[in-house]
Protein backbone atom coordinates (compact mmCIF):
# COMPACT_ATOMS: atom_id res chain seq x y z
CA MET A 1 0.22 0.03 0.04
CA SER A 2 1.14 3.58 -0.69
CA THR A 3 -0.05 7.09 0.59
CA PRO A 4 -0.27 9.53 -2.22
CA TRP A 5 1.42 12.92 -2.01
CA GLN A 6 1.84 16.15 -3.87
CA ILE A 7 4.03 19.08 -3.34
CA ASP A 8 5.45 21.89 -5.40
CA GLY A 9 8.34 21.52 -7.04
CA ALA A 10 10.45 23.85 -9.92
CA GLU A 11 8.45 26.61 -10.67
CA GLY A 12 5.89 25.97 -8.96
CA GLU A 13 4.63 22.89 -11.25
CA PRO A 14 3.42 19.92 -9.22
CA ILE A 15 5.62 17.01 -7.95
CA PHE A 16 3.00 14.13 -7.66
CA GLY A 17 4.31 11.47 -5.30
CA ASP A 18 3.46 7.97 -3.14
CA MET A 19 5.21 6.85 0.06
CA HIS A 20 5.85 3.76 1.06
CA MET A 21 5.58 3.30 5.01
CA PRO A 22 7.88 0.08 6.95
CA ALA A 23 5.76 -2.51 8.84
CA SER A 24 8.80 -1.60 11.38
CA PRO A 25 9.65 1.51 12.78
CA PRO A 26 11.70 3.17 9.83
CA VAL A 27 15.57 3.42 10.17
CA GLY A 28 16.11 5.67 7.55
CA VAL A 29 14.13 7.60 3.80
CA ILE A 30 15.01 6.71 0.22
CA LEU A 31 13.70 8.68 -2.14
CA VAL A 32 13.27 7.06 -6.04
CA ALA A 33 13.85 8.95 -8.77
CA HIS A 34 12.67 7.88 -12.39
CA GLY A 35 14.66 8.52 -15.63
CA PHE A 36 14.02 9.91 -19.30
CA LYS A 37 10.30 9.70 -20.01
CA GLY A 38 9.89 7.75 -17.10
CA TYR A 39 7.35 8.08 -14.29
CA LYS A 40 7.12 7.30 -10.34
CA ASP A 41 4.58 3.95 -11.93
CA TYR A 42 6.81 2.89 -14.39
CA GLY A 43 8.00 -0.91 -14.00
CA MET A 44 10.10 -1.52 -11.89
CA PHE A 45 9.59 1.95 -9.59
CA PRO A 46 6.37 0.81 -7.24
CA ARG A 47 8.55 -2.42 -6.41
CA VAL A 48 11.52 -0.48 -5.73
CA ALA A 49 9.79 1.21 -2.96
CA GLU A 50 8.08 -1.56 -1.99
CA ALA A 51 11.21 -3.31 -1.80
CA MET A 52 13.02 -0.75 0.37
CA ALA A 53 10.50 0.02 2.43
CA ALA A 54 10.60 -3.89 3.43
CA ARG A 55 14.25 -3.28 4.37
CA GLY A 56 12.66 -0.06 6.61
CA LEU A 57 12.87 2.09 5.04
CA ILE A 58 10.70 5.04 3.84
CA ALA A 59 10.33 5.16 0.51
CA HIS A 60 9.08 8.31 -1.29
CA ARG A 61 8.58 7.89 -5.18
CA PHE A 62 7.92 10.63 -7.48
CA ASN A 63 7.19 12.31 -10.79
CA PHE A 64 9.47 15.46 -11.46
CA SER A 65 7.00 18.40 -11.74
CA HIS A 66 9.04 18.96 -15.54
CA SER A 67 8.32 14.71 -16.63
CA GLY A 68 4.96 15.96 -18.39
CA MET A 69 3.15 13.01 -16.09
CA THR A 70 0.73 13.47 -13.63
CA ASN A 71 -0.89 10.84 -11.83
CA GLN A 72 -2.37 9.41 -15.18
CA THR A 73 -0.77 6.93 -16.99
CA ALA A 74 -2.16 6.31 -19.97
CA SER A 75 0.10 9.63 -21.52
CA PHE A 76 1.95 12.65 -20.95
CA ALA A 77 -0.34 15.29 -19.43
CA ARG A 78 2.17 18.15 -20.11
CA PRO A 79 3.87 17.51 -22.99
CA ASP A 80 4.72 21.74 -22.64
CA LEU A 81 6.55 21.09 -19.12
CA PHE A 82 7.97 18.14 -20.48
CA GLU A 83 9.66 20.52 -23.32
CA ARG A 84 10.40 22.99 -20.41
CA ASP A 85 12.88 20.08 -18.59
CA THR A 86 16.36 20.91 -17.44
CA TRP A 87 18.69 19.31 -15.23
CA ASN A 88 18.40 22.16 -13.09
CA LYS A 89 14.49 21.70 -12.67
CA GLN A 90 15.23 18.12 -11.53
CA VAL A 91 17.47 19.53 -9.11
CA ASP A 92 15.37 21.74 -7.52
CA ASP A 93 12.95 19.23 -7.62
CA LEU A 94 14.74 16.66 -5.09
CA ARG A 95 16.13 19.77 -3.39
CA ALA A 96 12.14 20.25 -2.84
CA VAL A 97 11.40 17.05 -1.35
CA MET A 98 14.60 16.55 0.24
CA ASP A 99 13.19 20.07 2.78
CA THR A 100 9.89 18.70 2.97
CA VAL A 101 10.56 15.85 4.56
CA THR A 102 13.31 17.35 6.68
CA ALA A 103 10.55 20.26 7.80
CA GLY A 104 8.60 16.62 8.96
CA THR A 105 5.43 17.60 6.29
CA LEU A 106 6.93 14.35 4.10
CA GLU A 107 7.45 11.56 6.59
CA GLY A 108 10.74 10.95 7.83
CA ARG A 109 12.02 13.70 9.18
CA GLU A 110 15.72 13.55 11.37
CA LEU A 111 16.09 10.44 9.83
CA PRO A 112 19.03 9.55 7.22
CA LEU A 113 17.84 10.30 3.93
CA VAL A 114 19.56 8.15 0.66
CA LEU A 115 18.92 9.30 -2.73
CA PHE A 116 18.12 6.59 -5.65
CA GLY A 117 17.69 7.42 -9.28
CA HIS A 118 17.43 5.39 -12.55
CA SER A 119 18.95 6.46 -16.04
CA LYS A 120 18.42 9.94 -16.14
CA GLY A 121 17.62 10.14 -12.21
CA GLY A 122 20.56 8.83 -11.52
CA VAL A 123 22.35 11.85 -12.91
CA SER A 124 20.04 14.11 -11.05
CA VAL A 125 20.85 12.22 -7.82
CA LEU A 126 24.53 12.85 -8.39
CA LEU A 127 24.28 16.68 -9.55
CA THR A 128 21.86 17.24 -6.47
CA ALA A 129 24.45 15.61 -3.56
CA GLY A 130 27.44 16.73 -5.44
CA ARG A 131 26.06 20.37 -5.66
CA SER A 132 25.29 20.39 -2.31
CA ALA A 133 28.93 19.27 -0.78
CA GLY A 134 29.90 22.16 1.88
CA ASP A 135 26.40 23.97 1.65
CA ASP A 136 25.17 23.63 5.02
CA GLY A 137 21.81 25.28 4.58
CA VAL A 138 21.23 21.75 2.16
CA PRO A 139 20.02 18.91 3.54
CA ARG A 140 23.09 16.22 2.91
CA PRO A 141 22.14 12.62 2.21
CA ALA A 142 23.45 9.99 3.86
CA GLY A 143 24.31 7.66 0.80
CA VAL A 144 23.79 8.20 -3.07
CA VAL A 145 22.63 5.35 -5.86
CA SER A 146 22.97 5.76 -9.00
CA VAL A 147 21.71 3.08 -11.34
CA SER A 148 21.31 2.95 -15.18
CA ALA A 149 22.74 6.26 -15.56
CA PRO A 150 25.32 7.75 -18.29
CA SER A 151 28.16 9.78 -17.28
CA THR A 152 27.51 13.15 -18.74
CA CYS A 153 24.82 15.31 -18.68
CA ASN A 154 24.83 16.30 -22.47
CA SER A 155 24.32 13.43 -24.92
CA LEU A 156 23.15 15.14 -27.71
CA THR A 157 25.21 15.02 -31.17
CA LEU A 158 26.35 18.31 -32.47
CA GLN A 159 24.25 17.88 -34.95
CA GLN A 160 21.35 17.61 -32.98
CA GLN A 161 22.43 20.67 -30.44
CA GLN A 162 22.73 22.72 -34.08
CA SER A 163 18.79 21.77 -34.49
CA LEU A 164 18.11 22.36 -31.57
CA THR A 165 19.33 25.81 -31.33
CA GLU A 166 18.56 26.72 -34.68
CA GLN A 167 14.26 25.17 -34.46
CA GLY A 168 13.55 25.42 -30.82
CA PHE A 169 13.24 21.69 -30.07
CA LEU A 170 13.76 18.46 -30.81
CA LEU A 171 11.14 15.68 -31.79
CA SER A 172 11.51 13.01 -29.12
CA PRO A 173 8.55 10.23 -30.00
CA SER A 174 7.39 8.69 -26.67
CA SER A 175 7.17 4.43 -28.21
CA ARG A 176 4.37 4.00 -25.27
CA THR A 177 2.23 6.83 -26.13
CA GLY A 178 3.17 7.38 -29.24
CA GLN A 179 3.12 11.28 -28.83
CA GLU A 180 5.49 13.58 -30.56
CA LEU A 181 7.59 15.29 -27.30
CA ARG A 182 9.76 17.73 -27.48
CA ILE A 183 12.67 18.77 -25.95
CA GLY A 184 13.21 22.21 -25.68
CA ARG A 185 16.21 24.85 -26.73
CA ILE A 186 16.22 25.61 -22.77
CA TYR A 187 17.78 22.15 -21.93
CA LEU A 188 20.65 22.87 -24.01
CA ALA A 189 21.46 26.78 -23.12
CA GLU A 190 21.47 26.30 -19.30
CA GLN A 191 24.29 23.67 -19.73
CA LEU A 192 26.16 26.07 -22.06
CA ASP A 193 25.32 28.74 -20.30
CA ASP A 194 26.64 27.59 -16.96
CA PRO A 195 28.91 24.47 -18.05
CA PRO A 196 30.72 24.23 -14.58
CA ASN A 197 27.08 22.90 -13.32
CA HIS A 198 26.87 20.36 -16.07
CA ASP A 199 30.34 18.67 -15.47
CA LEU A 200 29.06 15.44 -13.93
CA LEU A 201 32.28 14.03 -13.63
CA LYS A 202 33.67 16.77 -11.86
CA ILE A 203 30.32 16.90 -9.76
CA ALA A 204 30.17 13.53 -8.58
CA GLY A 205 33.82 14.08 -7.22
CA ARG A 206 32.32 16.49 -5.10
CA ILE A 207 30.20 13.71 -3.24
CA ALA A 208 31.33 13.14 0.29
CA CYS A 209 28.64 10.39 1.25
CA PRO A 210 28.57 6.81 0.59
CA VAL A 211 27.63 6.10 -3.16
CA LEU A 212 26.41 3.14 -5.09
CA ILE A 213 26.80 2.75 -8.98
CA VAL A 214 24.35 -0.28 -10.57
CA HIS A 215 24.33 -0.89 -13.83
CA GLY A 216 23.05 -3.91 -16.23
CA GLU A 217 26.02 -5.88 -17.94
CA GLU A 218 23.44 -5.92 -21.66
CA ASP A 219 22.30 -2.37 -21.10
CA PRO A 220 21.68 -1.23 -24.99
CA THR A 221 20.40 2.07 -23.99
CA VAL A 222 23.41 3.56 -21.74
CA PRO A 223 26.52 1.70 -22.31
CA ALA A 224 28.21 -0.34 -18.54
CA ALA A 225 30.91 1.17 -19.28
CA CYS A 226 29.79 4.44 -17.46
CA ALA A 227 29.51 3.05 -14.45
CA GLY A 228 32.93 2.85 -14.40
CA GLN A 229 33.68 6.45 -15.64
CA ILE A 230 31.53 8.01 -12.74
CA ALA A 231 32.68 5.40 -10.49
CA ALA A 232 36.45 6.90 -11.76
CA ALA A 233 35.00 10.06 -10.26
CA CYS A 234 34.21 9.35 -7.15
CA ARG A 235 35.87 10.24 -4.07
CA GLY A 236 36.85 7.42 -2.05
CA GLU A 237 35.65 3.89 -2.91
CA PRO A 238 32.40 4.10 -4.26
CA GLN A 239 30.46 1.00 -4.94
CA VAL A 240 29.62 -0.66 -8.08
CA GLU A 241 27.83 -3.63 -9.27
CA ILE A 242 27.14 -4.73 -12.77
CA VAL A 243 24.42 -7.32 -13.15
CA THR A 244 24.88 -9.96 -15.17
CA GLY A 245 21.92 -10.22 -18.01
CA ALA A 246 20.79 -7.22 -16.86
CA ASP A 247 18.89 -4.75 -19.86
CA HIS A 248 18.65 -1.01 -18.97
CA VAL A 249 15.51 -1.25 -16.89
CA PHE A 250 16.56 -4.77 -15.40
CA ASN A 251 14.37 -7.20 -17.63
CA THR A 252 11.52 -5.61 -16.29
CA PRO A 253 8.03 -5.04 -18.17
CA ASN A 254 5.71 -2.41 -18.12
CA PRO A 255 3.68 -2.81 -15.94
CA LEU A 256 5.03 -4.92 -13.57
CA PRO A 257 1.77 -6.70 -12.27
CA PRO A 258 2.05 -6.48 -8.19
CA ASP A 259 1.56 -10.09 -8.07
CA ALA A 260 4.05 -11.13 -10.61
CA GLU A 261 8.19 -12.00 -8.92
CA PRO A 262 10.62 -9.66 -10.18
CA SER A 263 13.35 -11.19 -12.95
CA THR A 264 16.33 -12.52 -11.70
CA GLN A 265 18.27 -9.19 -12.36
CA LEU A 266 15.41 -6.44 -10.65
CA ASP A 267 16.00 -9.11 -7.72
CA ALA A 268 19.59 -8.51 -7.50
CA MET A 269 19.13 -5.23 -8.28
CA LEU A 270 17.02 -4.90 -5.27
CA THR A 271 19.23 -6.62 -2.83
CA GLY A 272 22.38 -4.71 -3.62
CA VAL A 273 20.59 -1.38 -2.99
CA GLY A 274 18.70 -2.65 -0.50
CA ASN A 275 21.96 -3.34 1.46
CA PHE A 276 23.37 -0.45 0.78
CA ALA A 277 20.84 1.79 1.77
CA VAL A 278 20.52 0.24 5.27
CA ALA A 279 24.62 0.45 5.90
CA CYS A 280 24.17 3.82 5.26
CA CYS A 281 21.26 4.57 7.67
CA ALA A 282 23.20 2.52 10.16
CA VAL A 283 26.46 4.99 10.01
């Protein structure tokens, strides 16, 4: 069972979320962030939250404010927001959820907090943790989990960047809904205007808390080599888990029926993430 919630995110747009409470007294909190064209109810994310709650963590899964998704999952109800999405907005959203937990408006006040992000969300949690390093006014995570994430903020080719600049958008069709979504010019403009805050590997090197990097060995979307590049940039000794036989979503269909057994690959990922998150919260 989960409890829905809603708060204001970047530019005052709503962040829709669901909370999963553990049966026993919680040992920590985990925020579950989706990837590009993903959403909180997609495929494995409800199962991720349920698995973390079973390990004693309050799990908050949510839609980024500019994901284009609401609580109805049939289509992107707000393609206009999708077009305006940027890395800065995703960082703002994560900070908004962290602040709301810290304030006690969402469950988890005074508990250690772990950030979990998949694919694009994995980049966003690294940016959030790295940008806030050394800033006493921003809640600091107890751990960061980056799953199936690329090792750069800007994976657009030079031709795509030129097209985006000239025509103001790039078409990015959704194979799930058939909608012709757009990536807006602001996505690239923010990165070009502020390169230091979009240098993912340098920012990852500022993260002071433990980091876990998970990737599917057979990921056809983001090369598994990205995991090693991120790990090499992190300080200390980040944990890296390459899951044998796993694709980008750990061999998980969308939707994943509530009573379905997880794939071997998803189960392996959940076990590793759960062990890491619980250890971070015990420090």
